[in-house]
Amino acid sequence: MSKYRYAAYGSNLHPLRLAKRVPSATHLGTSFLPSWNVSFCKRSYKDGTGKCTIARGGPGVFMAIFDIDCSERQDLDLCEGLGIGYNELTIDDPKFGKVVTYVADAGSIDVSLLPVDWYKEYVLLGCEYNRFPRDYVERFRAVPSCVDSDEMRSQAEWRVIEEIRNST
């Protein structure tokens, strides 16, 4: 089966979270993208809250690198909102070669947005799983969050988070 490499920097950092979306995902390791920044300023097309994106200019972004079956690429594209606020970006990583990730298009950026609490927790769990530097993790921890207005979705996401916590 043909595979491609994916670079996660936000809510897909933890392998168990990503495997819920694309079961073939295999965690290969971590990498660092210098001179970029990650923030929660991408407007979600589903609920209007802040999701992660990366942009040039900043202290750098830590990423988790995964191999994914090409047969599941459309599944991840759909989960990520490719063409609906996110565009594909290919990065030539010195350690892993060409990796694909997603970045917000200019029309989807709003620096006033907050992430929902469960989304931020996915990012933190992934940062901790990948053993990113403490100061990097603390930058995420310091970001305020909001409560999801969709109670059923919130409960479902917190159940997945508990499942991830209990598996490690």
Foldseek 3Di string as FASTA:
>chain_A
DDKAKAWDQFLPLDPLSVCVQAVQKDWDAKAKAAQKDKDQFFQDPVARAGGIFMDGGDGITMIIMIIGPPVRPVSVCVVVVDVNFWHKDWDQGPVPGTHIYIHGDPVRGDRVGAAAPLRLLSNLVSCVVNVPDPVVSVVSVPGDHHHDPPVVVNVVSVVSSVVVVVVD
